[in-house]
PDB file of N, CA and C in Angstrom:
ATOM      1  N   UNK A   1     114.233  70.381  86.322  1.00  0.00           N
ATOM      2  CA  UNK A   1     113.640  70.177  88.123  1.00  0.00           C
ATOM      3  C   UNK A   1     114.080  71.254  88.411  1.00  0.00           C
ATOM      4  N   UNK A   2     115.463  71.719  88.400  1.00  0.00           N
ATOM      5  CA  UNK A   2     116.126  72.430  89.582  1.00  0.00           C
ATOM      6  C   UNK A   2     115.669  74.170  88.915  1.00  0.00           C
ATOM      7  N   UNK A   3     115.239  74.144  87.357  1.00  0.00           N
ATOM      8  CA  UNK A   3     114.555  75.342  87.196  1.00  0.00           C
ATOM      9  C   UNK A   3     113.496  75.393  87.783  1.00  0.00           C
ATOM     10  N   UNK A   4     112.438  74.464  87.512  1.00  0.00           N
ATOM     11  CA  UNK A   4     111.155  74.844  88.935  1.00  0.00           C
ATOM     12  C   UNK A   4     111.423  75.291  90.235  1.00  0.00           C
ATOM     13  N   UNK A   5     112.398  74.271  90.934  1.00  0.00           N
ATOM     14  CA  UNK A   5     112.575  74.643  92.161  1.00  0.00           C
ATOM     15  C   UNK A   5     112.477  76.344  92.623  1.00  0.00           C
ATOM     16  N   UNK A   6     113.643  76.559  91.421  1.00  0.00           N
ATOM     17  CA  UNK A   6     114.008  78.009  91.585  1.00  0.00           C
ATOM     18  C   UNK A   6     112.648  79.062  90.994  1.00  0.00           C
ATOM     19  N   UNK A   7     111.766  78.636  90.412  1.00  0.00           N
ATOM     20  CA  UNK A   7     110.665  79.267  90.099  1.00  0.00           C
ATOM     21  C   UNK A   7     110.070  79.280  91.462  1.00  0.00           C
ATOM     22  N   UNK A   8     109.631  77.733  91.870  1.00  0.00           N
ATOM     23  CA  UNK A   8     108.707  77.978  92.482  1.00  0.00           C
ATOM     24  C   UNK A   8     109.492  78.326  94.093  1.00  0.00           C
ATOM     25  N   UNK A   9     110.281  79.025  94.430  1.00  0.00           N
ATOM     26  CA  UNK A   9     111.281  79.846  95.203  1.00  0.00           C
ATOM     27  C   UNK A   9     110.739  81.225  95.060  1.00  0.00           C
ATOM     28  N   UNK A  10     111.110  81.845  94.045  1.00  0.00           N
ATOM     29  CA  UNK A  10     110.537  82.806  93.333  1.00  0.00           C
ATOM     30  C   UNK A  10     109.375  83.071  93.712  1.00  0.00           C
ATOM     31  N   UNK A  11     108.481  82.754  93.256  1.00  0.00           N
ATOM     32  CA  UNK A  11     107.076  82.587  93.605  1.00  0.00           C
ATOM     33  C   UNK A  11     106.948  82.792  95.434  1.00  0.00           C
ATOM     34  N   UNK A  12     107.345  81.979  96.350  1.00  0.00           N
ATOM     35  CA  UNK A  12     106.985  82.260  97.777  1.00  0.00           C
ATOM     36  C   UNK A  12     107.781  83.502  98.297  1.00  0.00           C
ATOM     37  N   UNK A  13     108.708  83.650  97.405  1.00  0.00           N
ATOM     38  CA  UNK A  13     109.804  84.747  97.995  1.00  0.00           C
ATOM     39  C   UNK A  13     108.487  86.369  97.537  1.00  0.00           C
ATOM     40  N   UNK A  14     108.078  86.261  96.486  1.00  0.00           N
ATOM     41  CA  UNK A  14     107.050  87.194  95.710  1.00  0.00           C
ATOM     42  C   UNK A  14     106.290  87.343  96.694  1.00  0.00           C
ATOM     43  N   UNK A  15     104.990  86.114  97.269  1.00  0.00           N
ATOM     44  CA  UNK A  15     104.398  86.085  98.135  1.00  0.00           C
ATOM     45  C   UNK A  15     104.533  86.967  99.090  1.00  0.00           C
ATOM     46  N   UNK A  16     105.650  86.703 100.273  1.00  0.00           N
ATOM     47  CA  UNK A  16     106.384  87.210 101.291  1.00  0.00           C
ATOM     48  C   UNK A  16     106.262  88.774 101.130  1.00  0.00           C
ATOM     49  N   UNK A  17     106.975  89.166  99.904  1.00  0.00           N
ATOM     50  CA  UNK A  17     107.156  90.874 100.058  1.00  0.00           C
ATOM     51  C   UNK A  17     105.868  91.053  99.381  1.00  0.00           C
ATOM     52  N   UNK A  18     104.866  90.345  98.907  1.00  0.00           N
ATOM     53  CA  UNK A  18     103.259  90.938  98.673  1.00  0.00           C
ATOM     54  C   UNK A  18     102.842  91.515  99.706  1.00  0.00           C
ATOM     55  N   UNK A  19     103.001  90.490 100.697  1.00  0.00           N
ATOM     56  CA  UNK A  19     102.294  90.513 102.212  1.00  0.00           C
ATOM     57  C   UNK A  19     102.751  91.634 102.546  1.00  0.00           C
ATOM     58  N   UNK A  20     104.270  91.856 102.824  1.00  0.00           N
ATOM     59  CA  UNK A  20     104.694  92.762 103.232  1.00  0.00           C
ATOM     60  C   UNK A  20     104.345  94.090 103.056  1.00  0.00           C
ATOM     61  N   UNK A  21     104.452  94.321 101.064  1.00  0.00           N
ATOM     62  CA  UNK A  21     103.667  95.651 100.860  1.00  0.00           C
ATOM     63  C   UNK A  21     102.487  96.262 101.165  1.00  0.00           C
ATOM     64  N   UNK A  22     101.950  94.671 101.329  1.00  0.00           N
ATOM     65  CA  UNK A  22     100.122  95.083 102.011  1.00  0.00           C
ATOM     66  C   UNK A  22     100.282  95.510 103.486  1.00  0.00           C
ATOM     67  N   UNK A  23     100.574  94.913 104.258  1.00  0.00           N
ATOM     68  CA  UNK A  23     100.873  95.234 105.513  1.00  0.00           C
ATOM     69  C   UNK A  23     101.034  96.934 105.593  1.00  0.00           C
ATOM     70  N   UNK A  24     102.519  97.173 104.846  1.00  0.00           N
ATOM     71  CA  UNK A  24     103.055  98.314 105.126  1.00  0.00           C
ATOM     72  C   UNK A  24     101.425  99.456 104.935  1.00  0.00           C
ATOM     73  N   UNK A  25     101.012  99.104 103.492  1.00  0.00           N
ATOM     74  CA  UNK A  25      99.490  99.517 103.506  1.00  0.00           C
ATOM     75  C   UNK A  25      98.654  99.435 104.235  1.00  0.00           C
ATOM     76  N   UNK A  26      98.234  98.869 104.527  1.00  0.00           N
ATOM     77  CA  UNK A  26      97.186  98.932 106.115  1.00  0.00           C
ATOM     78  C   UNK A  26      97.635  99.747 107.045  1.00  0.00           C
ATOM     79  N   UNK A  27      98.943  99.154 107.518  1.00  0.00           N
ATOM     80  CA  UNK A  27      99.406 100.230 108.723  1.00  0.00           C
ATOM     81  C   UNK A  27      99.274 101.838 108.159  1.00  0.00           C
ATOM     82  N   UNK A  28      99.520 102.316 107.584  1.00  0.00           N
ATOM     83  CA  UNK A  28      99.793 103.520 106.662  1.00  0.00           C
ATOM     84  C   UNK A  28      98.129 104.267 106.890  1.00  0.00           C
ATOM     85  N   UNK A  29      97.525 103.476 106.566  1.00  0.00           N
ATOM     86  CA  UNK A  29      95.667 103.795 106.531  1.00  0.00           C
ATOM     87  C   UNK A  29      95.333 103.799 107.659  1.00  0.00           C
ATOM     88  N   UNK A  30      95.582 102.675 108.418  1.00  0.00           N
ATOM     89  CA  UNK A  30      95.516 102.614 110.061  1.00  0.00           C
ATOM     90  C   UNK A  30      95.423 104.199 110.902  1.00  0.00           C
ATOM     91  N   UNK A  31      96.616 104.382 110.175  1.00  0.00           N
ATOM     92  CA  UNK A  31      97.686 105.998 110.894  1.00  0.00           C
ATOM     93  C   UNK A  31      97.082 107.348 110.399  1.00  0.00           C
ATOM     94  N   UNK A  32      96.022 106.772 109.216  1.00  0.00           N
ATOM     95  CA  UNK A  32      95.626 107.747 108.800  1.00  0.00           C
ATOM     96  C   UNK A  32      96.906 108.486 107.961  1.00  0.00           C
ATOM     97  N   UNK A  33      97.699 107.727 107.472  1.00  0.00           N
ATOM     98  CA  UNK A  33      98.273 108.535 106.457  1.00  0.00           C
ATOM     99  C   UNK A  33      98.315 108.321 105.121  1.00  0.00           C
ATOM    100  N   UNK A  34      98.441 109.032 103.867  1.00  0.00           N
ATOM    101  CA  UNK A  34      97.936 108.812 102.768  1.00  0.00           C
ATOM    102  C   UNK A  34      98.582 107.795 102.228  1.00  0.00           C
ATOM    103  N   UNK A  35      98.236 106.939 101.084  1.00  0.00           N
ATOM    104  CA  UNK A  35      98.545 106.178 100.239  1.00  0.00           C
ATOM    105  C   UNK A  35      99.650 106.218  99.284  1.00  0.00           C
ATOM    106  N   UNK A  36     100.689 105.752  99.588  1.00  0.00           N
ATOM    107  CA  UNK A  36     102.322 105.924  98.737  1.00  0.00           C
ATOM    108  C   UNK A  36     101.715 105.084  97.135  1.00  0.00           C
ATOM    109  N   UNK A  37     101.894 105.832  96.295  1.00  0.00           N
ATOM    110  CA  UNK A  37     101.219 104.929  94.597  1.00  0.00           C
ATOM    111  C   UNK A  37     102.878 104.083  94.692  1.00  0.00           C
ATOM    112  N   UNK A  38     104.162 104.844  95.243  1.00  0.00           N
ATOM    113  CA  UNK A  38     105.412 103.544  95.224  1.00  0.00           C
ATOM    114  C   UNK A  38     105.091 102.082  95.481  1.00  0.00           C
ATOM    115  N   UNK A  39     103.883 101.808  96.888  1.00  0.00           N
ATOM    116  CA  UNK A  39     103.890 100.339  97.245  1.00  0.00           C
ATOM    117  C   UNK A  39     102.932  99.819  96.204  1.00  0.00           C
ATOM    118  N   UNK A  40     102.022 100.603  95.945  1.00  0.00           N
ATOM    119  CA  UNK A  40     101.141 100.591  94.301  1.00  0.00           C
ATOM    120  C   UNK A  40     101.411  99.934  93.694  1.00  0.00           C
ATOM    121  N   UNK A  41     102.596 100.438  93.345  1.00  0.00           N
ATOM    122  CA  UNK A  41     103.484  99.985  91.653  1.00  0.00           C
ATOM    123  C   UNK A  41     103.877  98.610  91.752  1.00  0.00           C
ATOM    124  N   UNK A  42     104.678  98.628  93.158  1.00  0.00           N
ATOM    125  CA  UNK A  42     105.395  97.701  93.454  1.00  0.00           C
ATOM    126  C   UNK A  42     104.380  96.441  93.640  1.00  0.00           C
ATOM    127  N   UNK A  43     103.502  96.735  94.158  1.00  0.00           N
ATOM    128  CA  UNK A  43     102.404  95.500  94.601  1.00  0.00           C
ATOM    129  C   UNK A  43     102.137  94.725  92.931  1.00  0.00           C
ATOM    130  N   UNK A  44     102.005  96.259  92.351  1.00  0.00           N
ATOM    131  CA  UNK A  44     101.621  95.607  90.735  1.00  0.00           C
ATOM    132  C   UNK A  44     102.614  94.729  90.247  1.00  0.00           C
ATOM    133  N   UNK A  45     103.718  95.328  90.413  1.00  0.00           N
ATOM    134  CA  UNK A  45     105.052  94.932  89.363  1.00  0.00           C
ATOM    135  C   UNK A  45     105.072  93.168  90.249  1.00  0.00           C
ATOM    136  N   UNK A  46     105.205  93.346  91.212  1.00  0.00           N
ATOM    137  CA  UNK A  46     105.372  91.586  91.728  1.00  0.00           C
ATOM    138  C   UNK A  46     104.368  91.120  91.261  1.00  0.00           C
ATOM    139  N   UNK A  47     103.029  91.160  91.106  1.00  0.00           N
ATOM    140  CA  UNK A  47     101.437  90.241  90.728  1.00  0.00           C
ATOM    141  C   UNK A  47     102.393  90.245  89.119  1.00  0.00           C
ATOM    142  N   UNK A  48     102.473  90.898  88.280  1.00  0.00           N
ATOM    143  CA  UNK A  48     102.952  90.933  86.810  1.00  0.00           C
ATOM    144  C   UNK A  48     103.527  89.639  86.539  1.00  0.00           C
ATOM    145  N   UNK A  49     104.720  89.651  87.904  1.00  0.00           N
ATOM    146  CA  UNK A  49     105.890  88.790  88.009  1.00  0.00           C
ATOM    147  C   UNK A  49     105.528  87.259  88.356  1.00  0.00           C
ATOM    148  N   UNK A  50     104.610  87.689  89.036  1.00  0.00           N
ATOM    149  CA  UNK A  50     104.046  86.512  89.677  1.00  0.00           C
ATOM    150  C   UNK A  50     103.091  85.360  88.946  1.00  0.00           C
ATOM    151  N   UNK A  51     102.428  86.280  88.304  1.00  0.00           N
ATOM    152  CA  UNK A  51     101.548  85.516  86.826  1.00  0.00           C
ATOM    153  C   UNK A  51     102.468  85.127  86.121  1.00  0.00           C
ATOM    154  N   UNK A  52     103.338  85.966  85.440  1.00  0.00           N
ATOM    155  CA  UNK A  52     104.652  85.320  84.364  1.00  0.00           C
ATOM    156  C   UNK A  52     104.931  84.015  84.996  1.00  0.00           C
ATOM    157  N   UNK A  53     105.720  84.139  85.944  1.00  0.00           N
ATOM    158  CA  UNK A  53     105.527  82.823  86.725  1.00  0.00           C
ATOM    159  C   UNK A  53     104.668  81.781  86.631  1.00  0.00           C
ATOM    160  N   UNK A  54     103.633  81.881  87.525  1.00  0.00           N
ATOM    161  CA  UNK A  54     102.690  81.372  87.039  1.00  0.00           C
ATOM    162  C   UNK A  54     102.265  80.393  86.057  1.00  0.00           C
ATOM    163  N   UNK A  55     102.022  80.938  85.301  1.00  0.00           N
ATOM    164  CA  UNK A  55     102.243  80.683  83.309  1.00  0.00           C
ATOM    165  C   UNK A  55     103.782  79.575  83.238  1.00  0.00           C
ATOM    166  N   UNK A  56     104.769  80.313  83.389  1.00  0.00           N
ATOM    167  CA  UNK A  56     105.774  78.874  82.856  1.00  0.00           C
ATOM    168  C   UNK A  56     105.660  78.166  83.456  1.00  0.00           C
ATOM    169  N   UNK A  57     105.516  78.083  84.619  1.00  0.00           N
ATOM    170  CA  UNK A  57     105.426  76.807  85.525  1.00  0.00           C
ATOM    171  C   UNK A  57     104.152  75.861  85.170  1.00  0.00           C
ATOM    172  N   UNK A  58     103.103  76.560  84.651  1.00  0.00           N
ATOM    173  CA  UNK A  58     102.121  75.514  83.967  1.00  0.00           C
ATOM    174  C   UNK A  58     102.292  74.951  82.607  1.00  0.00           C
ATOM    175  N   UNK A  59     103.092  75.634  82.406  1.00  0.00           N
ATOM    176  CA  UNK A  59     103.791  75.020  80.744  1.00  0.00           C
ATOM    177  C   UNK A  59     104.560  74.168  80.675  1.00  0.00           C
ATOM    178  N   UNK A  60     105.796  73.950  82.154  1.00  0.00           N
ATOM    179  CA  UNK A  60     106.645  73.452  82.163  1.00  0.00           C
ATOM    180  C   UNK A  60     105.625  72.068  82.860  1.00  0.00           C
ATOM    181  N   UNK A  61     104.384  72.231  83.262  1.00  0.00           N
ATOM    182  CA  UNK A  61     104.024  70.680  83.967  1.00  0.00           C
ATOM    183  C   UNK A  61     103.098  70.079  82.365  1.00  0.00           C
ATOM    184  N   UNK A  62     102.490  70.807  81.813  1.00  0.00           N
ATOM    185  CA  UNK A  62     101.903  70.298  80.395  1.00  0.00           C
ATOM    186  C   UNK A  62     103.058  69.974  79.695  1.00  0.00           C
ATOM    187  N   UNK A  63     104.470  70.358  79.693  1.00  0.00           N
ATOM    188  CA  UNK A  63     105.152  69.752  78.641  1.00  0.00           C
ATOM    189  C   UNK A  63     105.632  68.105  79.532  1.00  0.00           C
ATOM    190  N   UNK A  64     105.679  67.891  80.914  1.00  0.00           N
ATOM    191  CA  UNK A  64     106.247  66.989  80.982  1.00  0.00           C
ATOM    192  C   UNK A  64     105.043  66.092  81.116  1.00  0.00           C
ATOM    193  N   UNK A  65     103.746  66.711  81.298  1.00  0.00           N
ATOM    194  CA  UNK A  65     102.399  65.944  80.737  1.00  0.00           C
ATOM    195  C   UNK A  65     102.629  65.093  79.041  1.00  0.00           C
ATOM    196  N   UNK A  66     103.104  65.895  78.733  1.00  0.00           N
ATOM    197  CA  UNK A  66     103.087  65.738  76.928  1.00  0.00           C
ATOM    198  C   UNK A  66     104.155  63.934  76.939  1.00  0.00           C
ATOM    199  N   UNK A  67     105.173  64.913  77.698  1.00  0.00           N
ATOM    200  CA  UNK A  67     106.064  64.008  77.390  1.00  0.00           C
ATOM    201  C   UNK A  67     105.833  62.766  78.051  1.00  0.00           C
ATOM    202  N   UNK A  68     104.970  62.780  79.174  1.00  0.00           N
ATOM    203  CA  UNK A  68     104.835  60.858  79.570  1.00  0.00           C
ATOM    204  C   UNK A  68     103.780  60.549  78.651  1.00  0.00           C
ATOM    205  N   UNK A  69     102.427  61.339  78.426  1.00  0.00           N
ATOM    206  CA  UNK A  69     101.899  60.768  77.122  1.00  0.00           C
ATOM    207  C   UNK A  69     102.204  60.486  75.866  1.00  0.00           C
ATOM    208  N   UNK A  70     103.644  60.669  75.308  1.00  0.00           N
ATOM    209  CA  UNK A  70     104.084  60.542  74.403  1.00  0.00           C
ATOM    210  C   UNK A  70     104.771  59.285  74.347  1.00  0.00           C
ATOM    211  N   UNK A  71     105.732  59.568  75.436  1.00  0.00           N
ATOM    212  CA  UNK A  71     106.017  58.029  75.723  1.00  0.00           C
ATOM    213  C   UNK A  71     105.234  56.854  75.856  1.00  0.00           C
ATOM    214  N   UNK A  72     103.981  56.859  76.506  1.00  0.00           N
ATOM    215  CA  UNK A  72     103.013  55.585  76.662  1.00  0.00           C
ATOM    216  C   UNK A  72     102.731  55.143  75.319  1.00  0.00           C
ATOM    217  N   UNK A  73     102.146  56.399  74.574  1.00  0.00           N
ATOM    218  CA  UNK A  73     101.864  56.052  72.773  1.00  0.00           C
ATOM    219  C   UNK A  73     103.177  55.109  72.572  1.00  0.00           C
ATOM    220  N   UNK A  74     104.427  55.173  73.117  1.00  0.00           N
ATOM    221  CA  UNK A  74     105.672  54.470  71.869  1.00  0.00           C
ATOM    222  C   UNK A  74     105.349  53.653  72.340  1.00  0.00           C
ATOM    223  N   UNK A  75     105.597  53.455  73.944  1.00  0.00           N
ATOM    224  CA  UNK A  75     105.804  52.019  74.288  1.00  0.00           C
ATOM    225  C   UNK A  75     104.622  50.943  73.988  1.00  0.00           C
ATOM    226  N   UNK A  76     103.051  51.946  73.819  1.00  0.00           N
ATOM    227  CA  UNK A  76     102.188  50.801  73.389  1.00  0.00           C
ATOM    228  C   UNK A  76     102.225  50.265  72.191  1.00  0.00           C
ATOM    229  N   UNK A  77     103.231  51.303  70.643  1.00  0.00           N
ATOM    230  CA  UNK A  77     103.475  51.348  69.762  1.00  0.00           C
ATOM    231  C   UNK A  77     104.419  49.966  69.580  1.00  0.00           C
ATOM    232  N   UNK A  78     105.721  50.460  70.419  1.00  0.00           N
ATOM    233  CA  UNK A  78     106.719  48.860  70.573  1.00  0.00           C
ATOM    234  C   UNK A  78     106.252  47.881  70.577  1.00  0.00           C
ATOM    235  N   UNK A  79     105.264  47.628  71.929  1.00  0.00           N
ATOM    236  CA  UNK A  79     104.899  46.779  72.281  1.00  0.00           C
ATOM    237  C   UNK A  79     103.988  45.680  71.325  1.00  0.00           C
ATOM    238  N   UNK A  80     103.423  46.430  70.404  1.00  0.00           N
ATOM    239  CA  UNK A  80     102.388  45.801  69.499  1.00  0.00           C
ATOM    240  C   UNK A  80     101.222  46.001  69.637  1.00  0.00           C
ATOM    241  N   UNK A  81     100.807  46.663  71.018  1.00  0.00           N
ATOM    242  CA  UNK A  81      99.320  46.916  71.152  1.00  0.00           C
ATOM    243  C   UNK A  81      98.748  48.356  70.700  1.00  0.00           C
ATOM    244  N   UNK A  82      97.505  48.045  70.170  1.00  0.00           N
ATOM    245  CA  UNK A  82      97.006  49.416  69.414  1.00  0.00           C
ATOM    246  C   UNK A  82      97.320  50.411  70.450  1.00  0.00           C
ATOM    247  N   UNK A  83      96.998  51.548  69.429  1.00  0.00           N
ATOM    248  CA  UNK A  83      97.042  52.704  69.324  1.00  0.00           C
ATOM    249  C   UNK A  83      95.300  53.406  70.205  1.00  0.00           C
ATOM    250  N   UNK A  84      95.552  54.153  71.472  1.00  0.00           N
ATOM    251  CA  UNK A  84      94.927  54.070  72.032  1.00  0.00           C
ATOM    252  C   UNK A  84      94.295  55.969  71.778  1.00  0.00           C
ATOM    253  N   UNK A  85      92.997  56.206  71.556  1.00  0.00           N
ATOM    254  CA  UNK A  85      92.613  57.497  70.548  1.00  0.00           C
ATOM    255  C   UNK A  85      92.614  58.439  71.836  1.00  0.00           C
ATOM    256  N   UNK A  86      92.396  57.661  73.391  1.00  0.00           N
ATOM    257  CA  UNK A  86      92.031  59.089  74.463  1.00  0.00           C
ATOM    258  C   UNK A  86      93.303  59.735  74.284  1.00  0.00           C
ATOM    259  N   UNK A  87      94.481  58.566  74.447  1.00  0.00           N
ATOM    260  CA  UNK A  87      95.918  59.546  74.576  1.00  0.00           C
ATOM    261  C   UNK A  87      96.229  60.355  73.895  1.00  0.00           C
ATOM    262  N   UNK A  88      95.869  60.106  72.459  1.00  0.00           N
ATOM    263  CA  UNK A  88      95.889  61.343  71.218  1.00  0.00           C
ATOM    264  C   UNK A  88      95.003  62.230  71.545  1.00  0.00           C
ATOM    265  N   UNK A  89      93.546  62.227  72.599  1.00  0.00           N
ATOM    266  CA  UNK A  89      93.058  63.406  72.191  1.00  0.00           C
ATOM    267  C   UNK A  89      93.578  64.273  73.645  1.00  0.00           C
ATOM    268  N   UNK A  90      94.024  63.520  74.934  1.00  0.00           N
ATOM    269  CA  UNK A  90      94.742  64.186  75.802  1.00  0.00           C
ATOM    270  C   UNK A  90      95.986  64.690  75.204  1.00  0.00           C
ATOM    271  N   UNK A  91      96.966  64.451  74.448  1.00  0.00           N
ATOM    272  CA  UNK A  91      97.793  65.224  73.939  1.00  0.00           C
ATOM    273  C   UNK A  91      97.522  66.524  73.228  1.00  0.00           C
ATOM    274  N   UNK A  92      96.473  66.263  72.467  1.00  0.00           N
ATOM    275  CA  UNK A  92      95.783  67.668  71.672  1.00  0.00           C
ATOM    276  C   UNK A  92      95.530  68.312  72.201  1.00  0.00           C
ATOM    277  N   UNK A  93      94.616  68.071  73.045  1.00  0.00           N
ATOM    278  CA  UNK A  93      94.176  69.287  74.799  1.00  0.00           C
ATOM    279  C   UNK A  93      95.205  69.734  75.233  1.00  0.00           C
ATOM    280  N   UNK A  94      96.569  69.001  75.234  1.00  0.00           N
ATOM    281  CA  UNK A  94      97.463  69.562  76.048  1.00  0.00           C
ATOM    282  C   UNK A  94      98.258  70.912  75.212  1.00  0.00           C
ATOM    283  N   UNK A  95      98.450  70.243  74.256  1.00  0.00           N
ATOM    284  CA  UNK A  95      99.025  70.792  73.005  1.00  0.00           C
ATOM    285  C   UNK A  95      98.051  72.540  72.816  1.00  0.00           C
ATOM    286  N   UNK A  96      96.773  72.409  72.753  1.00  0.00           N
ATOM    287  CA  UNK A  96      96.217  73.588  72.399  1.00  0.00           C
ATOM    288  C   UNK A  96      96.594  74.341  73.866  1.00  0.00           C
ATOM    289  N   UNK A  97      96.187  73.493  75.264  1.00  0.00           N
ATOM    290  CA  UNK A  97      96.480  74.079  76.507  1.00  0.00           C
ATOM    291  C   UNK A  97      97.487  75.152  76.542  1.00  0.00           C
ATOM    292  N   UNK A  98      98.800  74.497  76.083  1.00  0.00           N
ATOM    293  CA  UNK A  98     100.184  74.828  75.480  1.00  0.00           C
ATOM    294  C   UNK A  98     100.241  76.381  74.972  1.00  0.00           C
ATOM    295  N   UNK A  99      99.386  76.044  73.549  1.00  0.00           N
ATOM    296  CA  UNK A  99      99.469  77.113  73.429  1.00  0.00           C
ATOM    297  C   UNK A  99      98.962  78.585  73.647  1.00  0.00           C
ATOM    298  N   UNK A 100      97.841  77.961  74.420  1.00  0.00           N
ATOM    299  CA  UNK A 100      97.011  79.125  74.980  1.00  0.00           C
ATOM    300  C   UNK A 100      97.879  79.938  75.739  1.00  0.00           C
ATOM    301  N   UNK A 101      98.797  79.041  76.592  1.00  0.00           N
ATOM    302  CA  UNK A 101      99.666  79.906  77.920  1.00  0.00           C
ATOM    303  C   UNK A 101     100.676  80.573  77.065  1.00  0.00           C
ATOM    304  N   UNK A 102     101.221  80.195  76.174  1.00  0.00           N
ATOM    305  CA  UNK A 102     102.141  80.513  75.211  1.00  0.00           C
ATOM    306  C   UNK A 102     102.003  81.826  74.851  1.00  0.00           C
ATOM    307  N   UNK A 103     100.946  82.245  74.463  1.00  0.00           N
ATOM    308  CA  UNK A 103     100.118  83.332  73.822  1.00  0.00           C
ATOM    309  C   UNK A 103     100.342  84.589  75.196  1.00  0.00           C
ATOM    310  N   UNK A 104      99.332  83.752  76.334  1.00  0.00           N
ATOM    311  CA  UNK A 104      99.384  84.631  77.290  1.00  0.00           C
ATOM    312  C   UNK A 104     100.984  84.969  77.989  1.00  0.00           C
ATOM    313  N   UNK A 105     101.760  84.142  77.705  1.00  0.00           N
ATOM    314  CA  UNK A 105     102.719  84.314  78.215  1.00  0.00           C
ATOM    315  C   UNK A 105     103.466  85.482  77.703  1.00  0.00           C
ATOM    316  N   UNK A 106     103.378  85.414  76.116  1.00  0.00           N
ATOM    317  CA  UNK A 106     103.642  86.358  75.362  1.00  0.00           C
ATOM    318  C   UNK A 106     103.180  88.155  75.862  1.00  0.00           C
ATOM    319  N   UNK A 107     101.761  87.664  75.997  1.00  0.00           N
ATOM    320  CA  UNK A 107     101.399  89.006  76.540  1.00  0.00           C
ATOM    321  C   UNK A 107     102.137  89.557  77.676  1.00  0.00           C
ATOM    322  N   UNK A 108     102.590  88.697  78.328  1.00  0.00           N
ATOM    323  CA  UNK A 108     103.392  89.441  80.041  1.00  0.00           C
ATOM    324  C   UNK A 108     104.771  90.288  79.436  1.00  0.00           C
ATOM    325  N   UNK A 109     105.252  90.105  78.509  1.00  0.00           N
ATOM    326  CA  UNK A 109     106.203  90.739  78.280  1.00  0.00           C
ATOM    327  C   UNK A 109     105.535  92.341  77.682  1.00  0.00           C
ATOM    328  N   UNK A 110     104.705  92.261  77.073  1.00  0.00           N
ATOM    329  CA  UNK A 110     104.649  93.634  76.436  1.00  0.00           C
ATOM    330  C   UNK A 110     104.761  94.990  77.465  1.00  0.00           C
ATOM    331  N   UNK A 111     105.216  95.783  77.833  1.00  0.00           N
ATOM    332  CA  UNK A 111     105.266  96.903  78.888  1.00  0.00           C
ATOM    333  C   UNK A 111     103.813  96.878  79.276  1.00  0.00           C
ATOM    334  N   UNK A 112     103.662  97.360  80.433  1.00  0.00           N
ATOM    335  CA  UNK A 112     102.688  98.091  80.841  1.00  0.00           C
ATOM    336  C   UNK A 112     102.455  99.282  80.978  1.00  0.00           C
ATOM    337  N   UNK A 113     101.326  99.635  80.748  1.00  0.00           N
ATOM    338  CA  UNK A 113     101.190 101.374  80.207  1.00  0.00           C
ATOM    339  C   UNK A 113     101.418 102.313  81.272  1.00  0.00           C
ATOM    340  N   UNK A 114     101.854 103.178  81.344  1.00  0.00           N
ATOM    341  CA  UNK A 114     102.110 103.897  82.329  1.00  0.00           C
ATOM    342  C   UNK A 114     101.474 105.123  82.536  1.00  0.00           C
ATOM    343  N   UNK A 115      99.562 104.835  83.511  1.00  0.00           N
ATOM    344  CA  UNK A 115      98.795 105.553  83.200  1.00  0.00           C
ATOM    345  C   UNK A 115      99.385 107.130  84.031  1.00  0.00           C
ATOM    346  N   UNK A 116     100.235 107.135  85.081  1.00  0.00           N
ATOM    347  CA  UNK A 116     100.594 107.917  86.097  1.00  0.00           C
ATOM    348  C   UNK A 116     101.134 109.082  85.224  1.00  0.00           C
ATOM    349  N   UNK A 117     102.010 108.631  83.968  1.00  0.00           N
ATOM    350  CA  UNK A 117     102.557 109.770  83.105  1.00  0.00           C
ATOM    351  C   UNK A 117     101.395 110.256  82.283  1.00  0.00           C
ATOM    352  N   UNK A 118     100.070 109.229  81.707  1.00  0.00           N
ATOM    353  CA  UNK A 118      99.235 110.050  81.206  1.00  0.00           C
ATOM    354  C   UNK A 118      98.586 110.892  81.698  1.00  0.00           C
ATOM    355  N   UNK A 119      98.528 110.595  83.360  1.00  0.00           N
ATOM    356  CA  UNK A 119      97.657 111.590  84.209  1.00  0.00           C
ATOM    357  C   UNK A 119      98.040 112.940  84.315  1.00  0.00           C
ATOM    358  N   UNK A 120      99.626 112.470  84.052  1.00  0.00           N
ATOM    359  CA  UNK A 120     100.057 114.121  84.161  1.00  0.00           C
ATOM    360  C   UNK A 120     100.488 114.882  83.409  1.00  0.00           C
ATOM    361  N   UNK A 121     100.717 113.878  82.122  1.00  0.00           N
ATOM    362  CA  UNK A 121     100.094 114.600  80.622  1.00  0.00           C
ATOM    363  C   UNK A 121      98.757 115.327  80.472  1.00  0.00           C
ATOM    364  N   UNK A 122      97.974 114.771  80.704  1.00  0.00           N
ATOM    365  CA  UNK A 122      96.286 115.363  81.085  1.00  0.00           C
ATOM    366  C   UNK A 122      96.012 116.977  81.389  1.00  0.00           C
ATOM    367  N   UNK A 123      96.997 116.139  83.171  1.00  0.00           N
ATOM    368  CA  UNK A 123      96.957 117.242  84.585  1.00  0.00           C
ATOM    369  C   UNK A 123      97.506 118.417  83.594  1.00  0.00           C
ATOM    370  N   UNK A 124      98.578 118.437  82.972  1.00  0.00           N
ATOM    371  CA  UNK A 124      99.406 119.896  82.503  1.00  0.00           C
ATOM    372  C   UNK A 124      98.886 120.224  81.511  1.00  0.00           C
ATOM    373  N   UNK A 125      97.675 118.948  80.648  1.00  0.00           N
ATOM    374  CA  UNK A 125      97.605 119.888  79.484  1.00  0.00           C
ATOM    375  C   UNK A 125      95.925 120.913  79.405  1.00  0.00           C
ATOM    376  N   UNK A 126      94.951 120.195  81.086  1.00  0.00           N
ATOM    377  CA  UNK A 126      94.277 120.933  80.639  1.00  0.00           C
ATOM    378  C   UNK A 126      94.040 121.662  82.488  1.00  0.00           C
ATOM    379  N   UNK A 127      95.011 121.296  83.102  1.00  0.00           N
ATOM    380  CA  UNK A 127      95.309 122.574  84.124  1.00  0.00           C
ATOM    381  C   UNK A 127      96.471 123.165  84.284  1.00  0.00           C
ATOM    382  N   UNK A 128      96.930 124.105  83.052  1.00  0.00           N
ATOM    383  CA  UNK A 128      98.228 124.479  83.273  1.00  0.00           C
ATOM    384  C   UNK A 128      98.926 125.381  84.489  1.00  0.00           C
ATOM    385  N   UNK A 129      98.321 126.033  84.780  1.00  0.00           N
ATOM    386  CA  UNK A 129      98.152 126.898  86.346  1.00  0.00           C
ATOM    387  C   UNK A 129      99.264 126.146  87.108  1.00  0.00           C
TER     388      UNK A 129
END
């Protein structure tokens, strides 16, 4: 539970930082000053971190729901009541969703391509002066 609270607090901090960076970008624009790539890069990094946290929290919520459903199934079994297909179906759907989240989360760990470096190499290649 406390890990989720920490992640929620981190999400809130990210949102505040994103808002601050967007205000800085907007102020620079309104003053006629050029955009700074570093601010855009920071925004991109924050968004990637935010997306990862959202996926982790969604995975944790699915896990809790799965645990609850399994407990209901087990209670019904121990009480001698018949198994409900809808509970099994919900459990299967949650597992499929969780697997998709795991794959998505694995994709967020992959380092993003550095396009600035590629652009610099292409400029050097085609404009050696």
